[in-house]
N, C-alpha and C. Protein backbone atom coordinates (compact mmCIF):
# COMPACT_ATOMS: atom_id res chain seq x y z
N MET A 1 85.97 97.44 -4.14
CA MET A 1 87.36 97.47 -4.04
C MET A 1 87.84 96.72 -2.84
N THR A 2 88.79 96.16 -3.12
CA THR A 2 89.38 95.31 -2.11
C THR A 2 90.71 95.92 -1.73
N SER A 3 90.89 95.96 -0.47
CA SER A 3 92.19 96.48 -0.07
C SER A 3 93.09 95.31 0.23
N LYS A 4 94.22 95.52 -0.03
CA LYS A 4 95.23 94.49 0.11
C LYS A 4 95.99 94.73 1.41
N LYS A 5 96.00 93.69 2.19
CA LYS A 5 96.71 93.80 3.45
C LYS A 5 98.16 93.58 3.21
N THR A 6 98.89 94.48 3.76
CA THR A 6 100.33 94.31 3.60
C THR A 6 100.95 94.19 4.98
N THR A 7 101.82 93.31 5.06
CA THR A 7 102.56 93.14 6.31
C THR A 7 103.86 93.86 6.12
N THR A 8 104.03 94.75 6.93
CA THR A 8 105.27 95.49 6.82
C THR A 8 106.19 95.08 7.95
N ALA A 9 107.38 95.04 7.66
CA ALA A 9 108.38 94.71 8.67
C ALA A 9 108.57 95.92 9.57
N ALA A 10 109.05 95.64 10.77
CA ALA A 10 109.25 96.71 11.74
C ALA A 10 110.26 97.69 11.19
N THR A 11 109.90 98.89 11.26
CA THR A 11 110.77 99.93 10.75
C THR A 11 111.75 100.33 11.82
N PRO A 12 112.81 100.97 11.46
CA PRO A 12 113.78 101.39 12.46
C PRO A 12 113.16 102.32 13.50
N VAL A 13 112.18 103.09 13.16
CA VAL A 13 111.53 103.99 14.12
C VAL A 13 110.76 103.16 15.14
N ASP A 14 110.05 102.15 14.64
CA ASP A 14 109.31 101.28 15.55
C ASP A 14 110.27 100.57 16.49
N ALA A 15 111.39 100.12 16.00
CA ALA A 15 112.38 99.43 16.83
C ALA A 15 112.93 100.38 17.87
N ALA A 16 113.17 101.61 17.49
CA ALA A 16 113.70 102.60 18.43
C ALA A 16 112.66 102.91 19.50
N VAL A 17 111.39 103.04 19.12
CA VAL A 17 110.32 103.32 20.08
C VAL A 17 110.19 102.15 21.05
N THR A 18 110.23 100.93 20.52
CA THR A 18 110.12 99.74 21.36
C THR A 18 111.30 99.68 22.32
N ALA A 19 112.50 99.94 21.82
CA ALA A 19 113.70 99.92 22.66
C ALA A 19 113.62 101.01 23.72
N SER A 20 113.16 102.18 23.34
CA SER A 20 113.02 103.28 24.30
C SER A 20 112.00 102.93 25.36
N LYS A 21 110.91 102.31 24.93
CA LYS A 21 109.86 101.92 25.86
C LYS A 21 110.40 100.91 26.86
N GLU A 22 111.14 99.92 26.36
CA GLU A 22 111.72 98.91 27.23
C GLU A 22 112.74 99.55 28.18
N THR A 23 113.54 100.45 27.68
CA THR A 23 114.52 101.14 28.52
C THR A 23 113.82 101.96 29.59
N LEU A 24 112.79 102.66 29.20
CA LEU A 24 112.03 103.48 30.15
C LEU A 24 111.37 102.60 31.21
N GLU A 25 110.82 101.46 30.80
CA GLU A 25 110.22 100.54 31.76
C GLU A 25 111.27 100.00 32.73
N GLN A 26 112.46 99.65 32.18
CA GLN A 26 113.54 99.15 33.05
C GLN A 26 114.00 100.24 34.01
N MET A 27 114.15 101.45 33.52
CA MET A 27 114.58 102.56 34.38
C MET A 27 113.53 102.84 35.46
N THR A 28 112.27 102.78 35.09
CA THR A 28 111.19 103.00 36.05
C THR A 28 111.22 101.90 37.11
N LYS A 29 111.40 100.65 36.66
CA LYS A 29 111.45 99.53 37.59
C LYS A 29 112.65 99.67 38.53
N ILE A 30 113.82 100.03 37.98
CA ILE A 30 115.02 100.23 38.81
C ILE A 30 114.81 101.39 39.77
N GLY A 31 114.20 102.46 39.28
CA GLY A 31 113.90 103.62 40.13
C GLY A 31 112.96 103.25 41.27
N GLN A 32 111.94 102.46 40.97
CA GLN A 32 111.00 102.03 42.01
C GLN A 32 111.69 101.13 43.04
N GLU A 33 112.51 100.21 42.54
CA GLU A 33 113.23 99.31 43.45
C GLU A 33 114.19 100.12 44.34
N THR A 34 114.90 101.07 43.74
CA THR A 34 115.83 101.91 44.50
C THR A 34 115.07 102.76 45.52
N ALA A 35 113.97 103.33 45.09
CA ALA A 35 113.16 104.14 46.00
C ALA A 35 112.65 103.29 47.16
N GLN A 36 112.21 102.06 46.84
CA GLN A 36 111.73 101.15 47.89
C GLN A 36 112.85 100.81 48.87
N LYS A 37 114.05 100.51 48.35
CA LYS A 37 115.19 100.21 49.22
C LYS A 37 115.56 101.41 50.07
N ASN A 38 115.59 102.59 49.46
CA ASN A 38 115.92 103.81 50.21
C ASN A 38 114.88 104.09 51.29
N LEU A 39 113.60 103.88 50.97
CA LEU A 39 112.54 104.07 51.95
C LEU A 39 112.71 103.09 53.11
N GLU A 40 112.99 101.83 52.78
CA GLU A 40 113.20 100.83 53.84
C GLU A 40 114.40 101.20 54.70
N GLN A 41 115.48 101.66 54.07
CA GLN A 41 116.66 102.09 54.83
C GLN A 41 116.33 103.30 55.71
N ALA A 42 115.60 104.24 55.17
CA ALA A 42 115.22 105.43 55.95
C ALA A 42 114.36 105.05 57.14
N VAL A 43 113.40 104.14 56.92
CA VAL A 43 112.54 103.70 58.01
C VAL A 43 113.37 102.97 59.07
N THR A 44 114.28 102.10 58.62
CA THR A 44 115.15 101.37 59.55
C THR A 44 116.02 102.34 60.35
N MET A 45 116.62 103.32 59.66
CA MET A 45 117.45 104.30 60.35
C MET A 45 116.63 105.13 61.33
N ALA A 46 115.43 105.51 60.93
CA ALA A 46 114.57 106.29 61.82
C ALA A 46 114.21 105.48 63.06
N LYS A 47 113.88 104.20 62.87
CA LYS A 47 113.58 103.34 64.02
C LYS A 47 114.78 103.24 64.94
N GLU A 48 115.97 103.04 64.38
CA GLU A 48 117.19 102.93 65.19
C GLU A 48 117.45 104.23 65.95
N ASN A 49 117.30 105.36 65.26
CA ASN A 49 117.53 106.65 65.92
C ASN A 49 116.51 106.92 67.02
N VAL A 50 115.26 106.57 66.78
CA VAL A 50 114.23 106.73 67.81
C VAL A 50 114.55 105.82 69.00
N GLU A 51 114.98 104.60 68.70
CA GLU A 51 115.33 103.66 69.77
C GLU A 51 116.51 104.19 70.59
N LYS A 52 117.54 104.70 69.91
CA LYS A 52 118.70 105.26 70.62
C LYS A 52 118.29 106.47 71.46
N ALA A 53 117.48 107.34 70.88
CA ALA A 53 117.03 108.53 71.60
C ALA A 53 116.19 108.12 72.81
N SER A 54 115.33 107.12 72.64
CA SER A 54 114.50 106.64 73.75
C SER A 54 115.37 106.07 74.86
N GLN A 55 116.38 105.30 74.47
CA GLN A 55 117.29 104.73 75.47
C GLN A 55 118.01 105.84 76.22
N THR A 56 118.44 106.87 75.50
CA THR A 56 119.13 107.99 76.14
C THR A 56 118.19 108.72 77.10
N VAL A 57 116.95 108.92 76.66
CA VAL A 57 115.97 109.60 77.52
C VAL A 57 115.71 108.75 78.77
N PHE A 58 115.53 107.44 78.58
CA PHE A 58 115.28 106.57 79.74
C PHE A 58 116.48 106.53 80.67
N LYS A 59 117.69 106.51 80.11
CA LYS A 59 118.88 106.55 80.96
C LYS A 59 118.93 107.86 81.73
N GLY A 60 118.60 108.96 81.06
CA GLY A 60 118.56 110.26 81.72
C GLY A 60 117.50 110.28 82.81
N TYR A 61 116.35 109.70 82.52
CA TYR A 61 115.27 109.62 83.51
C TYR A 61 115.70 108.77 84.70
N ASP A 62 116.32 107.61 84.41
CA ASP A 62 116.81 106.75 85.50
C ASP A 62 117.86 107.48 86.32
N GLN A 63 118.74 108.19 85.63
CA GLN A 63 119.79 108.94 86.32
C GLN A 63 119.16 110.03 87.19
N PHE A 64 118.16 110.70 86.67
CA PHE A 64 117.46 111.73 87.44
C PHE A 64 116.79 111.12 88.67
N ASN A 65 116.13 109.98 88.47
CA ASN A 65 115.48 109.31 89.61
C ASN A 65 116.50 108.90 90.66
N THR A 66 117.63 108.38 90.22
CA THR A 66 118.69 107.99 91.15
C THR A 66 119.18 109.20 91.92
N LEU A 67 119.41 110.30 91.22
CA LEU A 67 119.85 111.52 91.88
C LEU A 67 118.79 112.03 92.86
N ALA A 68 117.55 112.02 92.44
CA ALA A 68 116.47 112.51 93.31
C ALA A 68 116.36 111.65 94.56
N GLN A 69 116.46 110.33 94.39
CA GLN A 69 116.38 109.44 95.56
C GLN A 69 117.56 109.68 96.49
N GLY A 70 118.74 109.84 95.93
CA GLY A 70 119.93 110.14 96.74
C GLY A 70 119.79 111.46 97.47
N ASN A 71 119.23 112.45 96.79
CA ASN A 71 119.02 113.76 97.42
C ASN A 71 118.01 113.66 98.56
N TYR A 72 116.96 112.92 98.33
CA TYR A 72 115.96 112.72 99.38
C TYR A 72 116.60 112.03 100.59
N ASP A 73 117.39 111.00 100.33
CA ASP A 73 118.06 110.28 101.42
C ASP A 73 119.00 111.21 102.19
N ALA A 74 119.73 112.05 101.46
CA ALA A 74 120.66 112.98 102.11
C ALA A 74 119.92 114.00 102.96
N VAL A 75 118.82 114.53 102.45
CA VAL A 75 118.03 115.50 103.22
C VAL A 75 117.44 114.82 104.46
N SER A 76 116.95 113.60 104.30
CA SER A 76 116.40 112.87 105.44
C SER A 76 117.47 112.63 106.50
N LYS A 77 118.64 112.22 106.05
CA LYS A 77 119.74 111.98 106.98
C LYS A 77 120.13 113.28 107.68
N SER A 78 120.20 114.35 106.92
CA SER A 78 120.54 115.65 107.49
C SER A 78 119.52 116.09 108.54
N PHE A 79 118.23 115.93 108.22
CA PHE A 79 117.19 116.29 109.19
C PHE A 79 117.27 115.40 110.43
N GLY A 80 117.61 114.14 110.24
CA GLY A 80 117.78 113.24 111.38
C GLY A 80 118.90 113.72 112.30
N ILE A 81 120.00 114.15 111.69
CA ILE A 81 121.13 114.67 112.47
C ILE A 81 120.73 115.94 113.21
N VAL A 82 120.01 116.83 112.50
CA VAL A 82 119.56 118.08 113.13
C VAL A 82 118.60 117.77 114.28
N SER A 83 117.68 116.85 114.07
CA SER A 83 116.73 116.49 115.13
C SER A 83 117.45 115.94 116.35
N LYS A 84 118.39 115.04 116.12
CA LYS A 84 119.15 114.46 117.23
C LYS A 84 119.96 115.55 117.91
N GLY A 85 120.59 116.43 117.14
CA GLY A 85 121.37 117.52 117.71
C GLY A 85 120.51 118.46 118.54
N LEU A 86 119.33 118.80 118.03
CA LEU A 86 118.42 119.67 118.79
C LEU A 86 117.94 118.99 120.07
N GLU A 87 117.73 117.70 119.99
CA GLU A 87 117.35 116.93 121.18
C GLU A 87 118.47 116.99 122.22
N ASP A 88 119.71 116.78 121.76
CA ASP A 88 120.86 116.83 122.68
C ASP A 88 121.02 118.22 123.28
N VAL A 89 120.86 119.25 122.46
CA VAL A 89 120.98 120.63 122.96
C VAL A 89 119.85 120.91 123.96
N SER A 90 118.66 120.47 123.66
CA SER A 90 117.53 120.67 124.59
C SER A 90 117.77 119.96 125.91
N LYS A 91 118.28 118.74 125.82
CA LYS A 91 118.58 118.00 127.05
C LYS A 91 119.66 118.72 127.86
N ALA A 92 120.68 119.25 127.16
CA ALA A 92 121.75 119.97 127.86
C ALA A 92 121.19 121.22 128.54
N TRP A 93 120.31 121.96 127.83
CA TRP A 93 119.70 123.15 128.43
C TRP A 93 118.82 122.77 129.62
N MET A 94 118.08 121.70 129.47
CA MET A 94 117.22 121.25 130.58
C MET A 94 118.06 120.85 131.78
N ALA A 95 119.16 120.14 131.55
CA ALA A 95 120.05 119.74 132.64
C ALA A 95 120.65 120.99 133.30
N PHE A 96 121.06 121.95 132.46
CA PHE A 96 121.63 123.19 133.01
C PHE A 96 120.57 123.94 133.82
N THR A 97 119.37 124.01 133.26
CA THR A 97 118.28 124.70 133.97
C THR A 97 118.00 124.02 135.31
N GLN A 98 117.98 122.69 135.31
CA GLN A 98 117.73 121.95 136.55
C GLN A 98 118.84 122.21 137.57
N SER A 99 120.10 122.19 137.10
CA SER A 99 121.21 122.44 138.04
C SER A 99 121.17 123.89 138.54
N THR A 100 120.73 124.81 137.69
CA THR A 100 120.61 126.21 138.11
C THR A 100 119.52 126.36 139.17
N VAL A 101 118.40 125.70 138.94
CA VAL A 101 117.31 125.75 139.93
C VAL A 101 117.78 125.13 141.25
N ASP A 102 118.47 123.98 141.15
CA ASP A 102 118.97 123.31 142.36
C ASP A 102 119.96 124.20 143.11
N SER A 103 120.88 124.84 142.37
CA SER A 103 121.86 125.70 143.05
C SER A 103 121.19 126.95 143.62
N THR A 104 120.16 127.44 142.95
CA THR A 104 119.42 128.61 143.46
C THR A 104 118.68 128.24 144.74
N VAL A 105 118.07 127.06 144.76
CA VAL A 105 117.37 126.60 145.97
C VAL A 105 118.38 126.43 147.11
N GLY A 106 119.55 125.84 146.79
CA GLY A 106 120.60 125.69 147.80
C GLY A 106 121.07 127.04 148.31
N PHE A 107 121.24 127.98 147.39
CA PHE A 107 121.66 129.33 147.78
C PHE A 107 120.61 129.98 148.68
N SER A 108 119.33 129.81 148.32
CA SER A 108 118.25 130.38 149.12
C SER A 108 118.26 129.82 150.54
N LYS A 109 118.52 128.53 150.67
CA LYS A 109 118.60 127.91 151.99
C LYS A 109 119.76 128.50 152.79
N GLN A 110 120.89 128.73 152.10
CA GLN A 110 122.06 129.31 152.78
C GLN A 110 121.74 130.74 153.24
N VAL A 111 121.05 131.50 152.38
CA VAL A 111 120.71 132.88 152.73
C VAL A 111 119.81 132.88 153.97
N LEU A 112 118.86 131.96 154.01
CA LEU A 112 117.95 131.91 155.16
C LEU A 112 118.69 131.51 156.45
N ALA A 113 119.78 130.78 156.27
CA ALA A 113 120.53 130.35 157.45
C ALA A 113 121.63 131.34 157.82
N ALA A 114 121.77 132.41 157.06
CA ALA A 114 122.85 133.39 157.31
C ALA A 114 122.61 134.10 158.63
N LYS A 115 123.74 134.49 159.26
CA LYS A 115 123.66 135.13 160.57
C LYS A 115 123.77 136.64 160.47
N SER A 116 124.30 137.13 159.31
CA SER A 116 124.44 138.59 159.19
C SER A 116 124.25 139.00 157.73
N LEU A 117 124.07 140.31 157.59
CA LEU A 117 123.90 140.88 156.25
C LEU A 117 125.19 140.75 155.46
N ASN A 118 126.34 140.92 156.10
CA ASN A 118 127.63 140.77 155.41
C ASN A 118 127.79 139.35 154.87
N GLU A 119 127.35 138.38 155.64
CA GLU A 119 127.44 136.99 155.19
C GLU A 119 126.55 136.78 153.96
N VAL A 120 125.36 137.39 153.94
CA VAL A 120 124.45 137.29 152.80
C VAL A 120 125.08 137.95 151.58
N VAL A 121 125.69 139.11 151.75
CA VAL A 121 126.34 139.81 150.63
C VAL A 121 127.49 138.96 150.08
N ASP A 122 128.30 138.38 150.95
CA ASP A 122 129.41 137.51 150.51
C ASP A 122 128.87 136.29 149.77
N MET A 123 127.81 135.69 150.31
CA MET A 123 127.20 134.53 149.64
C MET A 123 126.64 134.94 148.26
N GLN A 124 126.02 136.12 148.21
CA GLN A 124 125.45 136.62 146.96
C GLN A 124 126.55 136.81 145.93
N ASN A 125 127.66 137.40 146.30
CA ASN A 125 128.78 137.60 145.37
C ASN A 125 129.31 136.27 144.87
N THR A 126 129.52 135.34 145.76
CA THR A 126 130.04 134.02 145.40
C THR A 126 129.05 133.30 144.48
N PHE A 127 127.78 133.32 144.83
CA PHE A 127 126.75 132.66 144.03
C PHE A 127 126.65 133.28 142.64
N THR A 128 126.64 134.60 142.57
CA THR A 128 126.53 135.28 141.29
C THR A 128 127.71 134.93 140.39
N LYS A 129 128.93 134.95 140.95
CA LYS A 129 130.12 134.62 140.16
C LYS A 129 130.05 133.17 139.67
N SER A 130 129.68 132.25 140.54
CA SER A 130 129.62 130.84 140.13
C SER A 130 128.49 130.62 139.11
N ALA A 131 127.36 131.29 139.28
CA ALA A 131 126.24 131.17 138.33
C ALA A 131 126.65 131.71 136.96
N PHE A 132 127.35 132.85 136.96
CA PHE A 132 127.80 133.42 135.69
C PHE A 132 128.82 132.50 135.02
N ASP A 133 129.79 131.98 135.78
CA ASP A 133 130.79 131.06 135.22
C ASP A 133 130.12 129.80 134.67
N ALA A 134 129.13 129.28 135.39
CA ALA A 134 128.41 128.10 134.92
C ALA A 134 127.64 128.41 133.64
N PHE A 135 127.03 129.58 133.59
CA PHE A 135 126.28 129.97 132.40
C PHE A 135 127.21 130.09 131.19
N VAL A 136 128.38 130.73 131.37
CA VAL A 136 129.33 130.88 130.27
C VAL A 136 129.83 129.50 129.82
N ALA A 137 130.17 128.65 130.78
CA ALA A 137 130.66 127.31 130.43
C ALA A 137 129.59 126.51 129.70
N GLU A 138 128.36 126.55 130.19
CA GLU A 138 127.27 125.81 129.56
C GLU A 138 126.94 126.40 128.19
N GLY A 139 126.97 127.72 128.10
CA GLY A 139 126.73 128.38 126.81
C GLY A 139 127.77 127.98 125.78
N THR A 140 129.03 127.90 126.21
CA THR A 140 130.11 127.47 125.32
C THR A 140 129.89 126.02 124.89
N LYS A 141 129.55 125.17 125.86
CA LYS A 141 129.32 123.75 125.56
C LYS A 141 128.17 123.60 124.55
N ILE A 142 127.09 124.31 124.77
CA ILE A 142 125.92 124.20 123.89
C ILE A 142 126.22 124.80 122.52
N SER A 143 126.99 125.87 122.51
CA SER A 143 127.40 126.46 121.23
C SER A 143 128.24 125.47 120.43
N GLU A 144 129.17 124.80 121.10
CA GLU A 144 129.99 123.78 120.42
C GLU A 144 129.13 122.62 119.92
N MET A 145 128.14 122.22 120.73
CA MET A 145 127.23 121.16 120.29
C MET A 145 126.46 121.59 119.04
N SER A 146 126.03 122.85 119.03
CA SER A 146 125.27 123.37 117.89
C SER A 146 126.12 123.42 116.62
N VAL A 147 127.36 123.87 116.76
CA VAL A 147 128.27 123.93 115.61
C VAL A 147 128.55 122.51 115.10
N LYS A 148 128.79 121.59 116.02
CA LYS A 148 129.06 120.20 115.63
C LYS A 148 127.85 119.61 114.90
N THR A 149 126.66 119.87 115.42
CA THR A 149 125.43 119.37 114.79
C THR A 149 125.27 119.96 113.39
N ALA A 150 125.49 121.26 113.27
CA ALA A 150 125.37 121.91 111.95
C ALA A 150 126.39 121.33 110.97
N SER A 151 127.61 121.12 111.43
CA SER A 151 128.65 120.55 110.56
C SER A 151 128.28 119.14 110.12
N GLN A 152 127.80 118.34 111.04
CA GLN A 152 127.41 116.97 110.71
C GLN A 152 126.19 116.95 109.78
N ALA A 153 125.27 117.87 110.01
CA ALA A 153 124.05 117.90 109.20
C ALA A 153 124.33 118.36 107.77
N ILE A 154 125.33 119.21 107.59
CA ILE A 154 125.62 119.72 106.26
C ILE A 154 126.41 118.70 105.42
N GLU A 155 127.09 117.77 106.06
CA GLU A 155 127.91 116.81 105.33
C GLU A 155 127.14 115.98 104.30
N PRO A 156 126.00 115.36 104.65
CA PRO A 156 125.27 114.59 103.63
C PRO A 156 124.80 115.47 102.47
N LEU A 157 124.42 116.71 102.77
CA LEU A 157 123.96 117.62 101.71
C LEU A 157 125.12 118.02 100.81
N LYS A 158 126.26 118.31 101.41
CA LYS A 158 127.45 118.67 100.63
C LYS A 158 127.87 117.51 99.73
N ALA A 159 127.85 116.31 100.28
CA ALA A 159 128.22 115.13 99.49
C ALA A 159 127.27 114.96 98.30
N ARG A 160 125.97 115.19 98.51
CA ARG A 160 125.01 115.06 97.42
C ARG A 160 125.20 116.14 96.37
N VAL A 161 125.48 117.35 96.81
CA VAL A 161 125.73 118.44 95.85
C VAL A 161 126.95 118.09 95.00
N ASP A 162 128.01 117.64 95.65
CA ASP A 162 129.22 117.26 94.91
C ASP A 162 128.93 116.15 93.91
N GLU A 163 128.20 115.12 94.36
CA GLU A 163 127.89 114.00 93.47
C GLU A 163 126.97 114.43 92.33
N THR A 164 126.00 115.27 92.63
CA THR A 164 125.07 115.74 91.60
C THR A 164 125.80 116.57 90.55
N VAL A 165 126.66 117.47 90.99
CA VAL A 165 127.42 118.29 90.05
C VAL A 165 128.31 117.41 89.18
N GLU A 166 128.97 116.44 89.80
CA GLU A 166 129.84 115.52 89.05
C GLU A 166 129.02 114.72 88.04
N THR A 167 127.88 114.22 88.47
CA THR A 167 127.03 113.40 87.59
C THR A 167 126.49 114.23 86.42
N LEU A 168 126.01 115.42 86.72
CA LEU A 168 125.42 116.24 85.67
C LEU A 168 126.45 116.84 84.74
N SER A 169 127.71 116.91 85.17
CA SER A 169 128.74 117.45 84.29
C SER A 169 129.24 116.42 83.29
N ARG A 170 128.93 115.14 83.54
CA ARG A 170 129.29 114.08 82.59
C ARG A 170 128.20 113.97 81.54
N PRO A 171 128.59 113.69 80.28
CA PRO A 171 127.55 113.47 79.26
C PRO A 171 126.87 112.12 79.53
N LEU A 172 125.61 112.02 79.07
CA LEU A 172 124.89 110.77 79.23
C LEU A 172 125.57 109.67 78.45
N ALA A 173 125.68 108.50 79.05
CA ALA A 173 126.26 107.36 78.34
C ALA A 173 125.26 106.88 77.30
N ALA A 174 125.78 106.60 76.12
CA ALA A 174 124.87 106.18 75.03
C ALA A 174 124.49 104.74 75.17
C-alpha cells in the first residue's frame, strides 16, 4: 500500500498558533528590551546617587577637618595667651617680691639705726601700713591682669564655638 501524500493548506488554527507565537516572541523581545533599559537606568541612577552621597560625605569630611583645624588653632592661640599672661603675672609677682625684699632690707637698716624703742615702734607701724598697702595694690593689679588674661584667652575659644555651632546648624551643601 502506498500512502498518498497530501499537502494541506494552513488551517486557521495553525495560522492562529503561528500568529500567537510571533506575538509572544515580539512581546518577549519588547519585555527583554524594556527590562534591559530599566536595568541600565537603575544602574545609572544608582551610580549617580552613590556619587552624590560620596560628594556629600567628602564635603562633610572636609567641613569637619576645617572645623577641627580651626578648633586646634583656637586652642593653641588660647594657650599662647594664657602662657603669656602667666608669664606676665609671674614677672609682676617677682618684681613685687623683689621690691618687698628691698623695702624690708631698707626697713631693717632703719631699725638698726634707730635711737629708741619708740622710734622702732613708729617705723614698724609705718612699714607695716605701707607693706600692706603695697600688697593690696599689687594684688589688685595682678588680679586685673589675671582677669584680662582669662578674658583674652576665652575669646578665640568662644569665637570657635560660635562658628562651629553656626556651621553645624546649616545643612550640608549638595
